[in-house]
């Protein structure tokens, strides 16, 4: 009755798997922005440095990617929501997210405004 029937071995996630999980989570954030009824939909893209930063903040060897979702919320979603709340984004804007190594934080900048996107 108290025997072990099966053994499950968990292996640490590799860089490839962590990047795939990050891509899935970022796609979910993009879907939340597109589906938002109150905010004007815009797009965002992360530089490789920004992705590396999120992976460093959201993963560790012991727990894997368990904290990745919280790191994305804290480092990406909250600043993006502040941009929305203060009216700094408009429908159709493209936001570039980069990593500032000097200050160890993400930076946000418009790469194209809504009017530019419509003219193109």
Protein backbone atom coordinates (compact mmCIF):
# COMPACT_ATOMS: atom_id res chain seq x y z
CA UNK A 1 0.00 0.00 0.00
CA UNK A 2 2.82 2.45 0.77
CA UNK A 3 4.95 1.50 -2.21
CA UNK A 4 6.24 3.86 -4.81
CA UNK A 5 4.59 3.00 -8.10
CA UNK A 6 6.28 5.56 -10.33
CA UNK A 7 9.13 7.97 -10.18
CA UNK A 8 8.98 11.30 -11.98
CA UNK A 9 12.25 13.07 -12.68
CA UNK A 10 12.20 16.81 -13.19
CA UNK A 11 15.08 18.32 -15.10
CA UNK A 12 15.97 22.02 -14.99
CA UNK A 13 14.69 24.09 -17.88
CA UNK A 14 17.27 25.10 -20.45
CA UNK A 15 17.68 28.48 -22.11
CA UNK A 16 15.63 27.35 -25.13
CA UNK A 17 12.66 26.32 -22.97
CA UNK A 18 12.84 29.48 -20.87
CA UNK A 19 12.82 31.68 -23.99
CA UNK A 20 9.79 29.77 -25.29
CA UNK A 21 7.95 30.30 -22.00
CA UNK A 22 8.84 34.01 -22.14
CA UNK A 23 7.51 34.26 -25.70
CA UNK A 24 4.22 32.64 -24.64
CA UNK A 25 3.85 35.00 -21.68
CA UNK A 26 4.63 38.06 -23.83
CA UNK A 27 2.04 36.94 -26.37
CA UNK A 28 -0.52 36.73 -23.55
CA UNK A 29 0.34 40.32 -22.55
CA UNK A 30 -0.11 41.44 -26.17
CA UNK A 31 -3.50 39.72 -26.28
CA UNK A 32 -4.54 41.46 -23.05
CA UNK A 33 -3.62 44.83 -24.58
CA UNK A 34 -5.52 44.08 -27.80
CA UNK A 35 -8.61 42.89 -25.91
CA UNK A 36 -8.68 45.79 -23.45
CA UNK A 37 -11.94 47.70 -23.67
CA UNK A 38 -10.64 50.85 -21.97
CA UNK A 39 -7.20 51.26 -23.52
CA UNK A 40 -6.31 52.04 -27.11
CA UNK A 41 -4.59 48.97 -28.57
CA UNK A 42 -0.89 49.37 -29.32
CA UNK A 43 1.96 47.01 -29.98
CA UNK A 44 5.23 46.50 -28.17
CA UNK A 45 8.44 44.68 -28.91
CA UNK A 46 11.33 43.74 -26.67
CA UNK A 47 14.97 43.89 -27.59
CA UNK A 48 17.10 40.83 -26.84
CA UNK A 49 18.59 42.73 -23.90
CA UNK A 50 15.12 43.34 -22.45
CA UNK A 51 14.24 39.66 -22.86
CA UNK A 52 17.47 38.65 -21.13
CA UNK A 53 16.66 41.02 -18.26
CA UNK A 54 13.17 39.53 -17.80
CA UNK A 55 14.63 36.03 -17.86
CA UNK A 56 17.23 36.96 -15.22
CA UNK A 57 14.57 38.58 -13.02
CA UNK A 58 12.00 35.82 -13.44
CA UNK A 59 13.94 32.59 -13.33
CA UNK A 60 16.33 30.80 -11.03
CA UNK A 61 17.93 27.39 -10.98
CA UNK A 62 15.88 26.08 -8.06
CA UNK A 63 12.38 27.13 -9.11
CA UNK A 64 12.72 27.49 -12.88
CA UNK A 65 10.28 29.90 -14.48
CA UNK A 66 7.77 30.09 -11.63
CA UNK A 67 8.50 33.76 -10.98
CA UNK A 68 8.60 34.78 -14.63
CA UNK A 69 4.97 35.84 -14.76
CA UNK A 70 5.44 38.08 -11.70
CA UNK A 71 8.59 39.61 -13.18
CA UNK A 72 6.73 40.38 -16.42
CA UNK A 73 3.89 41.99 -14.47
CA UNK A 74 6.28 44.05 -12.34
CA UNK A 75 8.82 45.07 -14.99
CA UNK A 76 6.68 45.27 -18.15
CA UNK A 77 2.94 45.33 -17.55
CA UNK A 78 2.89 47.91 -14.74
CA UNK A 79 5.03 50.44 -16.68
CA UNK A 80 2.92 49.86 -19.81
CA UNK A 81 -0.26 50.40 -17.80
CA UNK A 82 1.21 53.66 -16.48
CA UNK A 83 1.80 54.77 -20.07
CA UNK A 84 -1.84 53.99 -20.84
CA UNK A 85 -3.14 55.71 -17.70
CA UNK A 86 -1.18 58.90 -18.39
CA UNK A 87 -2.27 59.04 -22.03
CA UNK A 88 1.23 58.54 -23.43
CA UNK A 89 0.09 55.81 -25.82
CA UNK A 90 -2.47 55.99 -28.59
CA UNK A 91 -4.12 53.39 -30.73
CA UNK A 92 -1.61 52.04 -33.23
CA UNK A 93 1.53 53.14 -31.37
CA UNK A 94 4.58 50.90 -31.39
CA UNK A 95 6.47 50.76 -28.10
CA UNK A 96 10.06 49.52 -28.03
CA UNK A 97 11.22 48.04 -24.74
CA UNK A 98 14.96 47.97 -24.13
CA UNK A 99 17.26 47.25 -21.20
CA UNK A 100 19.26 50.07 -19.62
CA UNK A 101 22.33 48.33 -18.17
CA UNK A 102 23.49 51.44 -16.31
CA UNK A 103 20.27 51.72 -14.28
CA UNK A 104 19.41 47.99 -14.48
CA UNK A 105 15.83 48.63 -15.66
CA UNK A 106 13.67 48.51 -18.77
CA UNK A 107 13.21 51.63 -20.89
CA UNK A 108 10.17 52.36 -23.03
CA UNK A 109 10.13 54.48 -26.19
CA UNK A 110 7.81 55.03 -29.11
CA UNK A 111 9.29 53.72 -32.32
CA UNK A 112 6.34 54.88 -34.40
CA UNK A 113 3.36 56.98 -33.49
CA UNK A 114 -0.20 56.27 -34.58
CA UNK A 115 -0.16 59.02 -37.24
CA UNK A 116 3.10 57.68 -38.72
CA UNK A 117 1.72 54.14 -38.80
CA UNK A 118 -1.40 55.29 -40.67
CA UNK A 119 0.65 57.27 -43.21
CA UNK A 120 2.90 54.30 -44.00
